[in-house]
């Protein structure tokens, strides 16, 4: 039994868009600021640095709580 036609299921697969990416980055920046990172410092960070801080939120909050107290 040979297969005559193989159906390609992913012809209309959703793709990540630029607007959605900006929305995610904006939300992540708000989350970092809520953890205690100064807003000026968060504004200067790139997306990769922000995601790194969000991986370990307890550690991030503790680190920036020390600098805010000093």
Protein backbone atom coordinates (compact mmCIF):
# COMPACT_ATOMS: atom_id res chain seq x y z
CA UNK A 1 0.00 0.00 0.00
CA UNK A 2 1.81 3.05 -1.22
CA UNK A 3 0.86 6.48 0.00
CA UNK A 4 -0.16 8.65 -2.92
CA UNK A 5 -0.60 11.90 -1.04
CA UNK A 6 0.96 13.08 2.22
CA UNK A 7 -1.05 15.82 3.88
CA UNK A 8 0.93 18.78 5.14
CA UNK A 9 -0.86 19.78 8.34
CA UNK A 10 1.20 22.92 8.94
CA UNK A 11 0.25 25.06 5.98
CA UNK A 12 -1.46 27.70 8.14
CA UNK A 13 0.65 27.49 11.30
CA UNK A 14 0.62 30.61 13.48
CA UNK A 15 3.85 32.58 13.62
CA UNK A 16 5.13 34.84 16.37
CA UNK A 17 4.57 38.47 15.44
CA UNK A 18 6.50 41.64 16.22
CA UNK A 19 3.60 43.25 18.09
CA UNK A 20 3.21 40.20 20.32
CA UNK A 21 6.96 40.20 21.01
CA UNK A 22 6.87 43.87 22.09
CA UNK A 23 3.87 43.14 24.33
CA UNK A 24 5.73 40.28 26.02
CA UNK A 25 8.85 42.39 26.54
CA UNK A 26 6.81 45.23 28.03
CA UNK A 27 5.11 42.81 30.43
CA UNK A 28 8.44 41.26 31.43
CA UNK A 29 9.90 44.72 32.11
CA UNK A 30 6.95 45.48 34.44
CA UNK A 31 7.52 42.19 36.26
CA UNK A 32 11.22 43.00 36.78
CA UNK A 33 10.36 46.45 38.17
CA UNK A 34 7.82 44.81 40.52
CA UNK A 35 10.64 42.59 41.85
CA UNK A 36 12.53 45.67 42.98
CA UNK A 37 14.78 46.54 40.06
CA UNK A 38 14.97 50.35 39.67
CA UNK A 39 12.94 51.51 36.68
CA UNK A 40 15.86 53.49 35.20
CA UNK A 41 18.06 50.41 35.34
CA UNK A 42 15.37 48.19 33.79
CA UNK A 43 14.90 50.68 30.94
CA UNK A 44 18.59 50.35 30.03
CA UNK A 45 18.55 46.52 30.04
CA UNK A 46 18.05 44.52 26.89
CA UNK A 47 15.47 41.73 26.57
CA UNK A 48 17.97 38.96 27.29
CA UNK A 49 19.09 40.53 30.58
CA UNK A 50 15.48 40.96 31.70
CA UNK A 51 14.62 37.32 30.95
CA UNK A 52 17.71 36.22 32.89
CA UNK A 53 16.53 38.16 35.95
CA UNK A 54 13.04 36.64 35.69
CA UNK A 55 14.38 33.07 35.73
CA UNK A 56 15.16 33.30 39.46
CA UNK A 57 12.74 35.88 40.88
CA UNK A 58 13.54 35.27 44.56
CA UNK A 59 17.24 35.77 43.96
CA UNK A 60 16.56 38.92 41.90
CA UNK A 61 14.30 40.42 44.58
CA UNK A 62 16.86 39.69 47.28
CA UNK A 63 19.72 41.18 45.25
CA UNK A 64 17.92 44.44 44.52
CA UNK A 65 16.45 44.72 48.02
CA UNK A 66 20.03 44.95 49.36
CA UNK A 67 20.95 47.73 46.93
CA UNK A 68 17.74 49.66 47.70
CA UNK A 69 18.40 49.46 51.45
CA UNK A 70 22.00 50.67 51.13
